[in-house]
Amino acid sequence: MSLLNRKIRGFRLVDVIALGVLVAVILGVYLAKTIAGRERADIAAVEKQIDAEKARIRLLQAEVAHLEQPSRIEALSTAHLGMAPVQAKNETTLDKLGEVALGKKTP
């Protein structure tokens, strides 16, 4: 009797081996699909987080744009620090800058 014709409980050994391989393949495919489904759910969750972070970035960029408005900064510096624009009498030329640095008065 050859190995392929040998019978186990009425079934040929080849049929039993083929059935075992088939069951293993079915379980493998089932596990692969289950894992892929979980991965798909994880990817969707990460994409949702990315979208939320992008929305937050846009909100923060709009807030920074509002806070950096020159007119707003000028009003705050005047109100809280007593700063004002430079008056014309305080301006100098590049040639006289050395004299200003030394503390000499210029006409």
N, C-alpha and C. Protein backbone atom coordinates (compact mmCIF):
# COMPACT_ATOMS: atom_id res chain seq x y z
N MET A 1 0.82 -1.18 0.00
CA MET A 1 0.00 0.00 0.00
C MET A 1 0.88 1.26 0.00
N SER A 2 0.56 2.18 -0.87
CA SER A 2 1.34 3.41 -0.93
C SER A 2 0.80 4.40 0.11
N LEU A 3 1.57 5.40 0.35
CA LEU A 3 1.21 6.40 1.35
C LEU A 3 -0.03 7.19 0.93
N LEU A 4 -0.19 7.40 -0.37
CA LEU A 4 -1.34 8.17 -0.85
C LEU A 4 -2.64 7.38 -0.80
N ASN A 5 -2.56 6.09 -0.85
CA ASN A 5 -3.77 5.27 -0.82
C ASN A 5 -4.11 4.79 0.59
N ARG A 6 -3.29 5.06 1.54
CA ARG A 6 -3.55 4.62 2.90
C ARG A 6 -4.79 5.31 3.44
N LYS A 7 -5.63 4.59 4.16
CA LYS A 7 -6.89 5.13 4.64
C LYS A 7 -6.86 5.27 6.16
N ILE A 8 -7.47 6.39 6.60
CA ILE A 8 -7.63 6.63 8.03
C ILE A 8 -9.12 6.84 8.27
N ARG A 9 -9.73 5.89 8.99
CA ARG A 9 -11.18 5.92 9.26
C ARG A 9 -11.99 6.10 7.99
N GLY A 10 -11.62 5.52 6.97
CA GLY A 10 -12.39 5.53 5.73
C GLY A 10 -11.99 6.63 4.76
N PHE A 11 -11.08 7.51 5.14
CA PHE A 11 -10.64 8.60 4.27
C PHE A 11 -9.20 8.35 3.88
N ARG A 12 -8.88 8.70 2.64
CA ARG A 12 -7.49 8.56 2.21
C ARG A 12 -6.64 9.60 2.93
N LEU A 13 -5.40 9.30 3.16
CA LEU A 13 -4.49 10.20 3.86
C LEU A 13 -4.34 11.52 3.10
N VAL A 14 -4.35 11.48 1.80
CA VAL A 14 -4.25 12.69 0.98
C VAL A 14 -5.44 13.60 1.24
N ASP A 15 -6.63 13.02 1.34
CA ASP A 15 -7.83 13.81 1.60
C ASP A 15 -7.77 14.46 2.99
N VAL A 16 -7.27 13.74 3.98
CA VAL A 16 -7.16 14.29 5.34
C VAL A 16 -6.14 15.43 5.36
N ILE A 17 -5.03 15.25 4.68
CA ILE A 17 -4.01 16.31 4.61
C ILE A 17 -4.57 17.53 3.87
N ALA A 18 -5.26 17.30 2.78
CA ALA A 18 -5.86 18.41 2.01
C ALA A 18 -6.87 19.16 2.86
N LEU A 19 -7.68 18.43 3.63
CA LEU A 19 -8.66 19.07 4.51
C LEU A 19 -7.95 19.91 5.57
N GLY A 20 -6.87 19.41 6.12
CA GLY A 20 -6.09 20.16 7.12
C GLY A 20 -5.51 21.43 6.53
N VAL A 21 -4.98 21.32 5.32
CA VAL A 21 -4.43 22.51 4.66
C VAL A 21 -5.53 23.52 4.37
N LEU A 22 -6.69 23.03 3.93
CA LEU A 22 -7.82 23.91 3.64
C LEU A 22 -8.27 24.65 4.90
N VAL A 23 -8.38 23.93 6.00
CA VAL A 23 -8.77 24.57 7.27
C VAL A 23 -7.73 25.61 7.68
N ALA A 24 -6.46 25.30 7.52
CA ALA A 24 -5.39 26.25 7.86
C ALA A 24 -5.47 27.50 6.99
N VAL A 25 -5.74 27.32 5.71
CA VAL A 25 -5.88 28.47 4.80
C VAL A 25 -7.08 29.31 5.19
N ILE A 26 -8.20 28.66 5.50
CA ILE A 26 -9.41 29.40 5.88
C ILE A 26 -9.15 30.21 7.15
N LEU A 27 -8.51 29.61 8.15
CA LEU A 27 -8.19 30.33 9.37
C LEU A 27 -7.22 31.48 9.11
N GLY A 28 -6.25 31.25 8.25
CA GLY A 28 -5.30 32.30 7.90
C GLY A 28 -5.97 33.50 7.24
N VAL A 29 -6.88 33.22 6.31
CA VAL A 29 -7.60 34.30 5.63
C VAL A 29 -8.49 35.05 6.62
N TYR A 30 -9.16 34.31 7.50
CA TYR A 30 -10.03 34.93 8.50
C TYR A 30 -9.22 35.85 9.42
N LEU A 31 -8.09 35.36 9.89
CA LEU A 31 -7.24 36.18 10.76
C LEU A 31 -6.69 37.40 10.02
N ALA A 32 -6.31 37.22 8.78
CA ALA A 32 -5.79 38.35 7.99
C ALA A 32 -6.85 39.43 7.81
N LYS A 33 -8.08 39.00 7.53
CA LYS A 33 -9.17 39.97 7.35
C LYS A 33 -9.50 40.68 8.66
N THR A 34 -9.46 39.93 9.76
CA THR A 34 -9.74 40.53 11.06
C THR A 34 -8.67 41.57 11.42
N ILE A 35 -7.42 41.22 11.20
CA ILE A 35 -6.33 42.16 11.49
C ILE A 35 -6.42 43.37 10.57
N ALA A 36 -6.75 43.15 9.31
CA ALA A 36 -6.88 44.26 8.36
C ALA A 36 -8.02 45.19 8.77
N GLY A 37 -9.10 44.62 9.28
CA GLY A 37 -10.22 45.45 9.75
C GLY A 37 -9.81 46.33 10.92
N ARG A 38 -9.04 45.77 11.84
CA ARG A 38 -8.55 46.56 12.98
C ARG A 38 -7.62 47.67 12.50
N GLU A 39 -6.75 47.31 11.59
CA GLU A 39 -5.83 48.31 11.05
C GLU A 39 -6.58 49.44 10.35
N ARG A 40 -7.62 49.08 9.62
CA ARG A 40 -8.44 50.07 8.93
C ARG A 40 -9.08 51.02 9.94
N ALA A 41 -9.58 50.46 11.05
CA ALA A 41 -10.18 51.29 12.10
C ALA A 41 -9.14 52.19 12.74
N ASP A 42 -7.94 51.67 12.97
CA ASP A 42 -6.87 52.49 13.54
C ASP A 42 -6.47 53.61 12.60
N ILE A 43 -6.39 53.31 11.31
CA ILE A 43 -6.05 54.33 10.32
C ILE A 43 -7.11 55.42 10.30
N ALA A 44 -8.37 55.03 10.35
CA ALA A 44 -9.46 56.02 10.36
C ALA A 44 -9.37 56.91 11.60
N ALA A 45 -9.04 56.32 12.75
CA ALA A 45 -8.91 57.11 13.97
C ALA A 45 -7.75 58.10 13.87
N VAL A 46 -6.63 57.67 13.31
CA VAL A 46 -5.48 58.55 13.16
C VAL A 46 -5.80 59.67 12.17
N GLU A 47 -6.48 59.35 11.09
CA GLU A 47 -6.85 60.38 10.12
C GLU A 47 -7.79 61.41 10.76
N LYS A 48 -8.67 60.95 11.62
CA LYS A 48 -9.57 61.87 12.33
C LYS A 48 -8.78 62.79 13.25
N GLN A 49 -7.77 62.24 13.93
CA GLN A 49 -6.91 63.06 14.78
C GLN A 49 -6.13 64.08 13.96
N ILE A 50 -5.65 63.66 12.80
CA ILE A 50 -4.91 64.57 11.92
C ILE A 50 -5.80 65.73 11.48
N ASP A 51 -7.05 65.42 11.11
CA ASP A 51 -7.98 66.48 10.71
C ASP A 51 -8.25 67.44 11.86
N ALA A 52 -8.39 66.91 13.08
CA ALA A 52 -8.63 67.76 14.25
C ALA A 52 -7.42 68.65 14.51
N GLU A 53 -6.22 68.10 14.36
CA GLU A 53 -5.00 68.89 14.58
C GLU A 53 -4.85 69.97 13.50
N LYS A 54 -5.21 69.64 12.26
CA LYS A 54 -5.15 70.65 11.18
C LYS A 54 -6.11 71.80 11.47
N ALA A 55 -7.30 71.47 11.97
CA ALA A 55 -8.26 72.52 12.31
C ALA A 55 -7.71 73.37 13.45
N ARG A 56 -7.08 72.75 14.42
CA ARG A 56 -6.49 73.51 15.54
C ARG A 56 -5.35 74.39 15.05
N ILE A 57 -4.55 73.89 14.12
CA ILE A 57 -3.45 74.70 13.56
C ILE A 57 -4.01 75.93 12.85
N ARG A 58 -5.07 75.72 12.06
CA ARG A 58 -5.67 76.87 11.36
C ARG A 58 -6.20 77.89 12.36
N LEU A 59 -6.81 77.42 13.45
CA LEU A 59 -7.32 78.32 14.48
C LEU A 59 -6.18 79.09 15.14
N LEU A 60 -5.10 78.40 15.47
CA LEU A 60 -3.95 79.07 16.09
C LEU A 60 -3.28 80.07 15.14
N GLN A 61 -3.21 79.73 13.85
CA GLN A 61 -2.63 80.66 12.88
C GLN A 61 -3.49 81.92 12.77
N ALA A 62 -4.81 81.76 12.82
CA ALA A 62 -5.70 82.93 12.77
C ALA A 62 -5.52 83.77 14.03
N GLU A 63 -5.35 83.12 15.17
CA GLU A 63 -5.15 83.85 16.42
C GLU A 63 -3.83 84.61 16.40
N VAL A 64 -2.77 83.98 15.89
CA VAL A 64 -1.47 84.65 15.79
C VAL A 64 -1.57 85.85 14.84
N ALA A 65 -2.26 85.68 13.73
CA ALA A 65 -2.42 86.79 12.77
C ALA A 65 -3.14 87.96 13.44
N HIS A 66 -4.13 87.66 14.27
CA HIS A 66 -4.84 88.72 14.98
C HIS A 66 -3.93 89.40 16.00
N LEU A 67 -3.18 88.59 16.75
CA LEU A 67 -2.33 89.14 17.80
C LEU A 67 -1.14 89.93 17.24
N GLU A 68 -0.71 89.64 16.03
CA GLU A 68 0.45 90.32 15.45
C GLU A 68 0.09 91.52 14.59
N GLN A 69 -1.13 91.97 14.63
CA GLN A 69 -1.53 93.13 13.84
C GLN A 69 -0.76 94.36 14.34
N PRO A 70 -0.11 95.07 13.43
CA PRO A 70 0.69 96.23 13.85
C PRO A 70 -0.12 97.28 14.62
N SER A 71 -1.34 97.52 14.21
CA SER A 71 -2.15 98.53 14.91
C SER A 71 -2.44 98.10 16.34
N ARG A 72 -2.66 96.82 16.56
CA ARG A 72 -2.93 96.31 17.90
C ARG A 72 -1.68 96.42 18.76
N ILE A 73 -0.52 96.05 18.20
CA ILE A 73 0.73 96.12 18.95
C ILE A 73 1.06 97.57 19.28
N GLU A 74 0.81 98.49 18.34
CA GLU A 74 1.06 99.90 18.59
C GLU A 74 0.18 100.42 19.72
N ALA A 75 -1.10 100.04 19.72
CA ALA A 75 -2.01 100.50 20.77
C ALA A 75 -1.60 99.94 22.13
N LEU A 76 -1.18 98.68 22.17
CA LEU A 76 -0.75 98.09 23.44
C LEU A 76 0.55 98.72 23.94
N SER A 77 1.49 98.97 23.04
CA SER A 77 2.76 99.57 23.47
C SER A 77 2.55 101.00 23.96
N THR A 78 1.63 101.70 23.37
CA THR A 78 1.34 103.06 23.82
C THR A 78 0.63 103.02 25.17
N ALA A 79 -0.35 102.14 25.32
CA ALA A 79 -1.15 102.09 26.54
C ALA A 79 -0.37 101.54 27.73
N HIS A 80 0.41 100.50 27.54
CA HIS A 80 1.04 99.83 28.67
C HIS A 80 2.50 100.19 28.88
N LEU A 81 3.20 100.56 27.83
CA LEU A 81 4.63 100.83 27.95
C LEU A 81 4.98 102.30 27.76
N GLY A 82 4.00 103.09 27.37
CA GLY A 82 4.26 104.51 27.15
C GLY A 82 5.12 104.78 25.93
N MET A 83 5.15 103.85 25.01
CA MET A 83 5.95 104.02 23.80
C MET A 83 5.16 104.81 22.76
N ALA A 84 5.87 105.50 21.91
CA ALA A 84 5.24 106.28 20.85
C ALA A 84 6.15 106.23 19.64
N PRO A 85 5.63 106.58 18.47
CA PRO A 85 6.47 106.62 17.27
C PRO A 85 7.61 107.63 17.45
N VAL A 86 8.70 107.42 16.77
CA VAL A 86 9.85 108.31 16.84
C VAL A 86 9.48 109.65 16.23
N GLN A 87 9.84 110.72 16.95
CA GLN A 87 9.54 112.06 16.43
C GLN A 87 10.61 112.46 15.42
N ALA A 88 10.28 113.36 14.58
CA ALA A 88 11.20 113.78 13.52
C ALA A 88 12.48 114.37 14.08
N LYS A 89 12.42 115.07 15.22
CA LYS A 89 13.62 115.69 15.80
C LYS A 89 14.59 114.63 16.34
N ASN A 90 14.13 113.41 16.55
CA ASN A 90 14.99 112.34 17.07
C ASN A 90 15.61 111.50 15.97
N GLU A 91 15.29 111.79 14.74
CA GLU A 91 15.86 111.04 13.64
C GLU A 91 17.22 111.62 13.28
N THR A 92 18.09 110.77 12.74
CA THR A 92 19.42 111.21 12.34
C THR A 92 19.80 110.52 11.03
N THR A 93 20.89 110.96 10.48
CA THR A 93 21.38 110.35 9.25
C THR A 93 22.42 109.31 9.61
N LEU A 94 22.81 108.55 8.64
CA LEU A 94 23.80 107.50 8.87
C LEU A 94 25.17 108.10 9.19
N ASP A 95 25.48 109.25 8.62
CA ASP A 95 26.77 109.91 8.86
C ASP A 95 26.90 110.37 10.31
N LYS A 96 25.80 110.79 10.90
CA LYS A 96 25.84 111.35 12.27
C LYS A 96 25.57 110.28 13.33
N LEU A 97 25.44 109.06 12.93
CA LEU A 97 25.14 107.99 13.87
C LEU A 97 26.27 107.78 14.88
N GLY A 98 27.50 107.96 14.45
CA GLY A 98 28.64 107.84 15.36
C GLY A 98 28.61 108.90 16.45
N GLU A 99 28.24 110.09 16.11
CA GLU A 99 28.13 111.17 17.11
C GLU A 99 27.04 110.86 18.13
N VAL A 100 25.95 110.30 17.66
CA VAL A 100 24.85 109.95 18.56
C VAL A 100 25.30 108.86 19.51
N ALA A 101 26.07 107.91 19.02
CA ALA A 101 26.56 106.81 19.85
C ALA A 101 27.50 107.32 20.92
N LEU A 102 28.28 108.35 20.62
CA LEU A 102 29.21 108.93 21.59
C LEU A 102 28.52 109.88 22.56
N GLY A 103 27.31 110.23 22.30
CA GLY A 103 26.54 111.11 23.20
C GLY A 103 26.64 112.57 22.87
N LYS A 104 27.19 112.90 21.73
CA LYS A 104 27.29 114.31 21.32
C LYS A 104 25.95 114.75 20.77
N LYS A 105 25.62 115.98 21.03
CA LYS A 105 24.36 116.52 20.50
C LYS A 105 24.58 116.99 19.08
N THR A 106 23.59 116.73 18.24
CA THR A 106 23.67 117.21 16.86
C THR A 106 22.59 118.23 16.65
N PRO A 107 22.86 119.28 15.87
CA PRO A 107 21.85 120.32 15.62
C PRO A 107 20.73 119.84 14.75
